[in-house]
Amino acid sequence: MSWTSIIAIYALFWVLTAFVVLPIGVRTHDELGLEKTAGQADSAPGNFNPKQIILRTTLLSAALFGLYYANYTYGWIDRHSFDFLVSGRPA
């Protein structure tokens, strides 16, 4: 696997993981008992912390990419692992 492929696949893992991590631990102003600004949406986060989100995303995506790369290297799961999905073939 080339370095450009590694970077591109890791970037995909990072972006997808960011969407999973974003809502974790976020509370609204009502839940935190904070005062809202005029015109603010009721669902706006009151404790948004981008540094924590970036750290969590980086750690989780690194772990997931590590598993992906180990599977790529050692071949634990390959296309033959899913032969049971093809109709007409015995399992």
PDB file of N, CA and C in Angstrom:
ATOM      1  N   MET A   1       0.860  -1.168   0.000  1.00  0.00           N
ATOM      2  CA  MET A   1       0.000   0.000   0.000  1.00  0.00           C
ATOM      3  C   MET A   1       0.910   1.235   0.000  1.00  0.00           C
ATOM      4  N   SER A   2       0.634   2.176  -0.876  1.00  0.00           N
ATOM      5  CA  SER A   2       1.470   3.375  -0.970  1.00  0.00           C
ATOM      6  C   SER A   2       1.115   4.396   0.119  1.00  0.00           C
ATOM      7  N   TRP A   3       2.016   5.323   0.367  1.00  0.00           N
ATOM      8  CA  TRP A   3       1.796   6.346   1.400  1.00  0.00           C
ATOM      9  C   TRP A   3       0.601   7.222   1.087  1.00  0.00           C
ATOM     10  N   THR A   4       0.388   7.512  -0.188  1.00  0.00           N
ATOM     11  CA  THR A   4      -0.760   8.344  -0.538  1.00  0.00           C
ATOM     12  C   THR A   4      -2.074   7.625  -0.241  1.00  0.00           C
ATOM     13  N   SER A   5      -2.091   6.312  -0.454  1.00  0.00           N
ATOM     14  CA  SER A   5      -3.291   5.536  -0.120  1.00  0.00           C
ATOM     15  C   SER A   5      -3.508   5.516   1.386  1.00  0.00           C
ATOM     16  N   ILE A   6      -2.439   5.362   2.151  1.00  0.00           N
ATOM     17  CA  ILE A   6      -2.544   5.346   3.612  1.00  0.00           C
ATOM     18  C   ILE A   6      -3.109   6.672   4.115  1.00  0.00           C
ATOM     19  N   ILE A   7      -2.600   7.771   3.592  1.00  0.00           N
ATOM     20  CA  ILE A   7      -3.072   9.093   4.021  1.00  0.00           C
ATOM     21  C   ILE A   7      -4.539   9.293   3.629  1.00  0.00           C
ATOM     22  N   ALA A   8      -4.897   8.905   2.411  1.00  0.00           N
ATOM     23  CA  ALA A   8      -6.277   9.089   1.947  1.00  0.00           C
ATOM     24  C   ALA A   8      -7.254   8.235   2.762  1.00  0.00           C
ATOM     25  N   ILE A   9      -6.907   6.996   3.035  1.00  0.00           N
ATOM     26  CA  ILE A   9      -7.796   6.126   3.800  1.00  0.00           C
ATOM     27  C   ILE A   9      -7.897   6.603   5.242  1.00  0.00           C
ATOM     28  N   TYR A  10      -6.766   7.031   5.833  1.00  0.00           N
ATOM     29  CA  TYR A  10      -6.816   7.558   7.196  1.00  0.00           C
ATOM     30  C   TYR A  10      -7.691   8.809   7.258  1.00  0.00           C
ATOM     31  N   ALA A  11      -7.591   9.672   6.247  1.00  0.00           N
ATOM     32  CA  ALA A  11      -8.422  10.885   6.212  1.00  0.00           C
ATOM     33  C   ALA A  11      -9.909  10.514   6.160  1.00  0.00           C
ATOM     34  N   LEU A  12     -10.254   9.488   5.400  1.00  0.00           N
ATOM     35  CA  LEU A  12     -11.646   9.037   5.358  1.00  0.00           C
ATOM     36  C   LEU A  12     -12.093   8.520   6.725  1.00  0.00           C
ATOM     37  N   PHE A  13     -11.252   7.720   7.372  1.00  0.00           N
ATOM     38  CA  PHE A  13     -11.565   7.249   8.717  1.00  0.00           C
ATOM     39  C   PHE A  13     -11.737   8.428   9.669  1.00  0.00           C
ATOM     40  N   TRP A  14     -10.882   9.444   9.556  1.00  0.00           N
ATOM     41  CA  TRP A  14     -10.929  10.590  10.474  1.00  0.00           C
ATOM     42  C   TRP A  14     -12.242  11.360  10.310  1.00  0.00           C
ATOM     43  N   VAL A  15     -12.624  11.633   9.077  1.00  0.00           N
ATOM     44  CA  VAL A  15     -13.846  12.404   8.827  1.00  0.00           C
ATOM     45  C   VAL A  15     -15.083  11.627   9.282  1.00  0.00           C
ATOM     46  N   LEU A  16     -15.147  10.348   8.965  1.00  0.00           N
ATOM     47  CA  LEU A  16     -16.302   9.555   9.379  1.00  0.00           C
ATOM     48  C   LEU A  16     -16.357   9.422  10.896  1.00  0.00           C
ATOM     49  N   THR A  17     -15.210   9.270  11.536  1.00  0.00           N
ATOM     50  CA  THR A  17     -15.161   9.177  12.992  1.00  0.00           C
ATOM     51  C   THR A  17     -15.563  10.497  13.630  1.00  0.00           C
ATOM     52  N   ALA A  18     -15.228  11.620  13.003  1.00  0.00           N
ATOM     53  CA  ALA A  18     -15.604  12.925  13.548  1.00  0.00           C
ATOM     54  C   ALA A  18     -17.122  13.044  13.653  1.00  0.00           C
ATOM     55  N   PHE A  19     -17.847  12.554  12.660  1.00  0.00           N
ATOM     56  CA  PHE A  19     -19.303  12.617  12.717  1.00  0.00           C
ATOM     57  C   PHE A  19     -19.869  11.723  13.817  1.00  0.00           C
ATOM     58  N   VAL A  20     -19.165  10.651  14.136  1.00  0.00           N
ATOM     59  CA  VAL A  20     -19.605   9.775  15.222  1.00  0.00           C
ATOM     60  C   VAL A  20     -19.316  10.422  16.579  1.00  0.00           C
ATOM     61  N   VAL A  21     -18.181  11.095  16.699  1.00  0.00           N
ATOM     62  CA  VAL A  21     -17.731  11.665  17.973  1.00  0.00           C
ATOM     63  C   VAL A  21     -18.422  12.990  18.295  1.00  0.00           C
ATOM     64  N   LEU A  22     -18.818  13.743  17.307  1.00  0.00           N
ATOM     65  CA  LEU A  22     -19.380  15.084  17.524  1.00  0.00           C
ATOM     66  C   LEU A  22     -20.494  15.156  18.573  1.00  0.00           C
ATOM     67  N   PRO A  23     -21.484  14.306  18.550  1.00  0.00           N
ATOM     68  CA  PRO A  23     -22.575  14.473  19.522  1.00  0.00           C
ATOM     69  C   PRO A  23     -22.284  13.927  20.923  1.00  0.00           C
ATOM     70  N   ILE A  24     -21.154  13.276  21.130  1.00  0.00           N
ATOM     71  CA  ILE A  24     -20.875  12.655  22.427  1.00  0.00           C
ATOM     72  C   ILE A  24     -20.581  13.732  23.471  1.00  0.00           C
ATOM     73  N   GLY A  25     -21.341  13.736  24.533  1.00  0.00           N
ATOM     74  CA  GLY A  25     -21.108  14.635  25.658  1.00  0.00           C
ATOM     75  C   GLY A  25     -21.580  16.063  25.474  1.00  0.00           C
ATOM     76  N   VAL A  26     -22.218  16.383  24.363  1.00  0.00           N
ATOM     77  CA  VAL A  26     -22.676  17.750  24.108  1.00  0.00           C
ATOM     78  C   VAL A  26     -24.027  17.960  24.794  1.00  0.00           C
ATOM     79  N   ARG A  27     -24.148  19.082  25.501  1.00  0.00           N
ATOM     80  CA  ARG A  27     -25.386  19.431  26.206  1.00  0.00           C
ATOM     81  C   ARG A  27     -25.857  20.808  25.739  1.00  0.00           C
ATOM     82  N   THR A  28     -27.167  21.017  25.751  1.00  0.00           N
ATOM     83  CA  THR A  28     -27.724  22.310  25.364  1.00  0.00           C
ATOM     84  C   THR A  28     -27.625  23.283  26.536  1.00  0.00           C
ATOM     85  N   HIS A  29     -27.922  24.546  26.262  1.00  0.00           N
ATOM     86  CA  HIS A  29     -27.898  25.563  27.314  1.00  0.00           C
ATOM     87  C   HIS A  29     -28.936  25.260  28.391  1.00  0.00           C
ATOM     88  N   ASP A  30     -30.095  24.743  27.973  1.00  0.00           N
ATOM     89  CA  ASP A  30     -31.137  24.390  28.940  1.00  0.00           C
ATOM     90  C   ASP A  30     -30.663  23.278  29.873  1.00  0.00           C
ATOM     91  N   GLU A  31     -29.997  22.276  29.326  1.00  0.00           N
ATOM     92  CA  GLU A  31     -29.506  21.163  30.142  1.00  0.00           C
ATOM     93  C   GLU A  31     -28.424  21.607  31.118  1.00  0.00           C
ATOM     94  N   LEU A  32     -27.642  22.596  30.710  1.00  0.00           N
ATOM     95  CA  LEU A  32     -26.561  23.084  31.569  1.00  0.00           C
ATOM     96  C   LEU A  32     -27.010  24.197  32.505  1.00  0.00           C
ATOM     97  N   GLY A  33     -28.220  24.713  32.294  1.00  0.00           N
ATOM     98  CA  GLY A  33     -28.716  25.808  33.120  1.00  0.00           C
ATOM     99  C   GLY A  33     -28.091  27.148  32.772  1.00  0.00           C
ATOM    100  N   LEU A  34     -27.644  27.309  31.539  1.00  0.00           N
ATOM    101  CA  LEU A  34     -27.031  28.558  31.086  1.00  0.00           C
ATOM    102  C   LEU A  34     -28.069  29.440  30.406  1.00  0.00           C
ATOM    103  N   GLU A  35     -27.782  30.732  30.381  1.00  0.00           N
ATOM    104  CA  GLU A  35     -28.682  31.689  29.738  1.00  0.00           C
ATOM    105  C   GLU A  35     -28.446  31.663  28.234  1.00  0.00           C
ATOM    106  N   LYS A  36     -29.553  31.714  27.464  1.00  0.00           N
ATOM    107  CA  LYS A  36     -29.447  31.698  26.007  1.00  0.00           C
ATOM    108  C   LYS A  36     -29.381  33.120  25.464  1.00  0.00           C
ATOM    109  N   THR A  37     -28.730  33.254  24.312  1.00  0.00           N
ATOM    110  CA  THR A  37     -28.656  34.520  23.597  1.00  0.00           C
ATOM    111  C   THR A  37     -29.916  34.676  22.759  1.00  0.00           C
ATOM    112  N   ALA A  38     -30.364  35.903  22.582  1.00  0.00           N
ATOM    113  CA  ALA A  38     -31.562  36.153  21.775  1.00  0.00           C
ATOM    114  C   ALA A  38     -31.360  35.622  20.361  1.00  0.00           C
ATOM    115  N   GLY A  39     -32.318  34.829  19.879  1.00  0.00           N
ATOM    116  CA  GLY A  39     -32.252  34.272  18.536  1.00  0.00           C
ATOM    117  C   GLY A  39     -31.494  32.963  18.446  1.00  0.00           C
ATOM    118  N   GLN A  40     -31.002  32.475  19.554  1.00  0.00           N
ATOM    119  CA  GLN A  40     -30.233  31.227  19.566  1.00  0.00           C
ATOM    120  C   GLN A  40     -31.165  30.027  19.443  1.00  0.00           C
ATOM    121  N   ALA A  41     -30.741  29.037  18.677  1.00  0.00           N
ATOM    122  CA  ALA A  41     -31.535  27.817  18.530  1.00  0.00           C
ATOM    123  C   ALA A  41     -31.575  27.059  19.849  1.00  0.00           C
ATOM    124  N   ASP A  42     -32.697  26.415  20.113  1.00  0.00           N
ATOM    125  CA  ASP A  42     -32.831  25.639  21.346  1.00  0.00           C
ATOM    126  C   ASP A  42     -31.848  24.479  21.402  1.00  0.00           C
ATOM    127  N   SER A  43     -31.438  23.977  20.254  1.00  0.00           N
ATOM    128  CA  SER A  43     -30.564  22.815  20.196  1.00  0.00           C
ATOM    129  C   SER A  43     -29.075  23.178  20.134  1.00  0.00           C
ATOM    130  N   ALA A  44     -28.729  24.464  20.214  1.00  0.00           N
ATOM    131  CA  ALA A  44     -27.328  24.879  20.134  1.00  0.00           C
ATOM    132  C   ALA A  44     -26.544  24.347  21.331  1.00  0.00           C
ATOM    133  N   PRO A  45     -25.334  23.810  21.095  1.00  0.00           N
ATOM    134  CA  PRO A  45     -24.555  23.260  22.201  1.00  0.00           C
ATOM    135  C   PRO A  45     -24.054  24.352  23.134  1.00  0.00           C
ATOM    136  N   GLY A  46     -24.061  24.027  24.426  1.00  0.00           N
ATOM    137  CA  GLY A  46     -23.580  24.984  25.414  1.00  0.00           C
ATOM    138  C   GLY A  46     -22.172  24.681  25.891  1.00  0.00           C
ATOM    139  N   ASN A  47     -21.672  23.492  25.579  1.00  0.00           N
ATOM    140  CA  ASN A  47     -20.340  23.109  26.046  1.00  0.00           C
ATOM    141  C   ASN A  47     -19.484  22.553  24.910  1.00  0.00           C
ATOM    142  N   PHE A  48     -19.520  23.164  23.752  1.00  0.00           N
ATOM    143  CA  PHE A  48     -18.754  22.703  22.589  1.00  0.00           C
ATOM    144  C   PHE A  48     -17.262  22.901  22.854  1.00  0.00           C
ATOM    145  N   ASN A  49     -16.474  21.828  22.710  1.00  0.00           N
ATOM    146  CA  ASN A  49     -15.036  21.873  22.945  1.00  0.00           C
ATOM    147  C   ASN A  49     -14.320  21.217  21.762  1.00  0.00           C
ATOM    148  N   PRO A  50     -13.897  22.018  20.755  1.00  0.00           N
ATOM    149  CA  PRO A  50     -13.305  21.427  19.552  1.00  0.00           C
ATOM    150  C   PRO A  50     -11.995  20.682  19.810  1.00  0.00           C
ATOM    151  N   LYS A  51     -11.196  21.106  20.791  1.00  0.00           N
ATOM    152  CA  LYS A  51      -9.934  20.406  21.064  1.00  0.00           C
ATOM    153  C   LYS A  51     -10.200  18.980  21.530  1.00  0.00           C
ATOM    154  N   GLN A  52     -11.193  18.810  22.380  1.00  0.00           N
ATOM    155  CA  GLN A  52     -11.530  17.479  22.874  1.00  0.00           C
ATOM    156  C   GLN A  52     -12.090  16.606  21.746  1.00  0.00           C
ATOM    157  N   ILE A  53     -12.878  17.185  20.880  1.00  0.00           N
ATOM    158  CA  ILE A  53     -13.443  16.443  19.754  1.00  0.00           C
ATOM    159  C   ILE A  53     -12.332  16.000  18.797  1.00  0.00           C
ATOM    160  N   ILE A  54     -11.383  16.895  18.521  1.00  0.00           N
ATOM    161  CA  ILE A  54     -10.273  16.550  17.633  1.00  0.00           C
ATOM    162  C   ILE A  54      -9.418  15.444  18.246  1.00  0.00           C
ATOM    163  N   LEU A  55      -9.163  15.518  19.547  1.00  0.00           N
ATOM    164  CA  LEU A  55      -8.368  14.486  20.213  1.00  0.00           C
ATOM    165  C   LEU A  55      -9.078  13.138  20.167  1.00  0.00           C
ATOM    166  N   ARG A  56     -10.348  13.114  20.537  1.00  0.00           N
ATOM    167  CA  ARG A  56     -11.111  11.861  20.509  1.00  0.00           C
ATOM    168  C   ARG A  56     -11.180  11.286  19.099  1.00  0.00           C
ATOM    169  N   THR A  57     -11.417  12.149  18.120  1.00  0.00           N
ATOM    170  CA  THR A  57     -11.513  11.707  16.730  1.00  0.00           C
ATOM    171  C   THR A  57     -10.198  11.122  16.255  1.00  0.00           C
ATOM    172  N   THR A  58      -9.100  11.786  16.574  1.00  0.00           N
ATOM    173  CA  THR A  58      -7.784  11.314  16.142  1.00  0.00           C
ATOM    174  C   THR A  58      -7.448   9.966  16.762  1.00  0.00           C
ATOM    175  N   LEU A  59      -7.722   9.812  18.055  1.00  0.00           N
ATOM    176  CA  LEU A  59      -7.410   8.548  18.719  1.00  0.00           C
ATOM    177  C   LEU A  59      -8.275   7.401  18.180  1.00  0.00           C
ATOM    178  N   LEU A  60      -9.571   7.638  18.044  1.00  0.00           N
ATOM    179  CA  LEU A  60     -10.457   6.585  17.559  1.00  0.00           C
ATOM    180  C   LEU A  60     -10.165   6.233  16.103  1.00  0.00           C
ATOM    181  N   SER A  61      -9.925   7.230  15.260  1.00  0.00           N
ATOM    182  CA  SER A  61      -9.637   6.940  13.854  1.00  0.00           C
ATOM    183  C   SER A  61      -8.289   6.242  13.702  1.00  0.00           C
ATOM    184  N   ALA A  62      -7.309   6.557  14.553  1.00  0.00           N
ATOM    185  CA  ALA A  62      -6.025   5.860  14.503  1.00  0.00           C
ATOM    186  C   ALA A  62      -6.193   4.390  14.876  1.00  0.00           C
ATOM    187  N   ALA A  63      -7.010   4.117  15.892  1.00  0.00           N
ATOM    188  CA  ALA A  63      -7.258   2.730  16.282  1.00  0.00           C
ATOM    189  C   ALA A  63      -7.988   1.972  15.176  1.00  0.00           C
ATOM    190  N   LEU A  64      -9.007   2.586  14.598  1.00  0.00           N
ATOM    191  CA  LEU A  64      -9.751   1.934  13.520  1.00  0.00           C
ATOM    192  C   LEU A  64      -8.880   1.722  12.282  1.00  0.00           C
ATOM    193  N   PHE A  65      -8.050   2.712  11.951  1.00  0.00           N
ATOM    194  CA  PHE A  65      -7.161   2.549  10.805  1.00  0.00           C
ATOM    195  C   PHE A  65      -6.123   1.467  11.088  1.00  0.00           C
ATOM    196  N   GLY A  66      -5.661   1.374  12.331  1.00  0.00           N
ATOM    197  CA  GLY A  66      -4.720   0.316  12.691  1.00  0.00           C
ATOM    198  C   GLY A  66      -5.320  -1.064  12.461  1.00  0.00           C
ATOM    199  N   LEU A  67      -6.583  -1.232  12.856  1.00  0.00           N
ATOM    200  CA  LEU A  67      -7.276  -2.501  12.604  1.00  0.00           C
ATOM    201  C   LEU A  67      -7.429  -2.756  11.101  1.00  0.00           C
ATOM    202  N   TYR A  68      -7.774  -1.705  10.363  1.00  0.00           N
ATOM    203  CA  TYR A  68      -7.918  -1.841   8.917  1.00  0.00           C
ATOM    204  C   TYR A  68      -6.596  -2.259   8.280  1.00  0.00           C
ATOM    205  N   TYR A  69      -5.510  -1.607   8.674  1.00  0.00           N
ATOM    206  CA  TYR A  69      -4.206  -1.900   8.078  1.00  0.00           C
ATOM    207  C   TYR A  69      -3.720  -3.298   8.468  1.00  0.00           C
ATOM    208  N   ALA A  70      -3.988  -3.701   9.716  1.00  0.00           N
ATOM    209  CA  ALA A  70      -3.614  -5.056  10.141  1.00  0.00           C
ATOM    210  C   ALA A  70      -4.388  -6.092   9.330  1.00  0.00           C
ATOM    211  N   ASN A  71      -5.673  -5.834   9.088  1.00  0.00           N
ATOM    212  CA  ASN A  71      -6.455  -6.742   8.256  1.00  0.00           C
ATOM    213  C   ASN A  71      -5.929  -6.754   6.831  1.00  0.00           C
ATOM    214  N   TYR A  72      -5.526  -5.614   6.316  1.00  0.00           N
ATOM    215  CA  TYR A  72      -4.968  -5.526   4.968  1.00  0.00           C
ATOM    216  C   TYR A  72      -3.677  -6.332   4.883  1.00  0.00           C
ATOM    217  N   THR A  73      -2.855  -6.248   5.918  1.00  0.00           N
ATOM    218  CA  THR A  73      -1.563  -6.925   5.924  1.00  0.00           C
ATOM    219  C   THR A  73      -1.712  -8.431   6.131  1.00  0.00           C
ATOM    220  N   TYR A  74      -2.522  -8.837   7.111  1.00  0.00           N
ATOM    221  CA  TYR A  74      -2.610 -10.249   7.478  1.00  0.00           C
ATOM    222  C   TYR A  74      -3.780 -10.991   6.831  1.00  0.00           C
ATOM    223  N   GLY A  75      -4.713 -10.272   6.236  1.00  0.00           N
ATOM    224  CA  GLY A  75      -5.804 -10.898   5.498  1.00  0.00           C
ATOM    225  C   GLY A  75      -6.785 -11.674   6.356  1.00  0.00           C
ATOM    226  N   TRP A  76      -7.122 -11.165   7.516  1.00  0.00           N
ATOM    227  CA  TRP A  76      -8.077 -11.837   8.403  1.00  0.00           C
ATOM    228  C   TRP A  76      -9.446 -11.973   7.749  1.00  0.00           C
ATOM    229  N   ILE A  77      -9.905 -10.905   7.138  1.00  0.00           N
ATOM    230  CA  ILE A  77     -11.197 -10.919   6.450  1.00  0.00           C
ATOM    231  C   ILE A  77     -10.934 -10.513   5.006  1.00  0.00           C
ATOM    232  N   ASP A  78     -11.295 -11.381   4.081  1.00  0.00           N
ATOM    233  CA  ASP A  78     -11.133 -11.066   2.668  1.00  0.00           C
ATOM    234  C   ASP A  78     -12.460 -11.282   1.950  1.00  0.00           C
ATOM    235  N   ARG A  79     -12.438 -11.169   0.643  1.00  0.00           N
ATOM    236  CA  ARG A  79     -13.690 -11.279  -0.104  1.00  0.00           C
ATOM    237  C   ARG A  79     -14.286 -12.672  -0.013  1.00  0.00           C
ATOM    238  N   HIS A  80     -13.474 -13.679   0.232  1.00  0.00           N
ATOM    239  CA  HIS A  80     -13.981 -15.045   0.351  1.00  0.00           C
ATOM    240  C   HIS A  80     -14.730 -15.266   1.662  1.00  0.00           C
ATOM    241  N   SER A  81     -14.564 -14.373   2.613  1.00  0.00           N
ATOM    242  CA  SER A  81     -15.278 -14.485   3.884  1.00  0.00           C
ATOM    243  C   SER A  81     -16.775 -14.245   3.704  1.00  0.00           C
ATOM    244  N   PHE A  82     -17.155 -13.662   2.580  1.00  0.00           N
ATOM    245  CA  PHE A  82     -18.555 -13.312   2.340  1.00  0.00           C
ATOM    246  C   PHE A  82     -19.192 -14.159   1.246  1.00  0.00           C
ATOM    247  N   ASP A  83     -18.619 -15.329   0.966  1.00  0.00           N
ATOM    248  CA  ASP A  83     -19.185 -16.205  -0.059  1.00  0.00           C
ATOM    249  C   ASP A  83     -20.576 -16.709   0.305  1.00  0.00           C
ATOM    250  N   PHE A  84     -20.897 -16.726   1.588  1.00  0.00           N
ATOM    251  CA  PHE A  84     -22.220 -17.196   1.996  1.00  0.00           C
ATOM    252  C   PHE A  84     -23.338 -16.256   1.527  1.00  0.00           C
ATOM    253  N   LEU A  85     -22.990 -15.060   1.118  1.00  0.00           N
ATOM    254  CA  LEU A  85     -24.001 -14.101   0.645  1.00  0.00           C
ATOM    255  C   LEU A  85     -24.414 -14.356  -0.807  1.00  0.00           C
ATOM    256  N   VAL A  86     -23.579 -15.080  -1.532  1.00  0.00           N
ATOM    257  CA  VAL A  86     -23.872 -15.338  -2.936  1.00  0.00           C
ATOM    258  C   VAL A  86     -24.835 -16.515  -3.012  1.00  0.00           C
ATOM    259  N   SER A  87     -25.982 -16.303  -3.690  1.00  0.00           N
ATOM    260  CA  SER A  87     -26.982 -17.371  -3.786  1.00  0.00           C
ATOM    261  C   SER A  87     -26.518 -18.438  -4.771  1.00  0.00           C
ATOM    262  N   GLY A  88     -26.882 -19.664  -4.478  1.00  0.00           N
ATOM    263  CA  GLY A  88     -26.554 -20.751  -5.373  1.00  0.00           C
ATOM    264  C   GLY A  88     -25.253 -21.462  -5.023  1.00  0.00           C
ATOM    265  N   ARG A  89     -24.504 -20.947  -4.070  1.00  0.00           N
ATOM    266  CA  ARG A  89     -23.266 -21.602  -3.651  1.00  0.00           C
ATOM    267  C   ARG A  89     -23.460 -22.213  -2.264  1.00  0.00           C
ATOM    268  N   PRO A  90     -22.920 -23.383  -2.071  1.00  0.00           N
ATOM    269  CA  PRO A  90     -23.006 -23.972  -0.726  1.00  0.00           C
ATOM    270  C   PRO A  90     -22.104 -23.218   0.250  1.00  0.00           C
ATOM    271  N   ALA A  91     -22.503 -23.182   1.496  1.00  0.00           N
ATOM    272  CA  ALA A  91     -21.740 -22.446   2.503  1.00  0.00           C
ATOM    273  C   ALA A  91     -20.505 -23.183   2.926  1.00  0.00           C
TER     274      ALA A  91
END
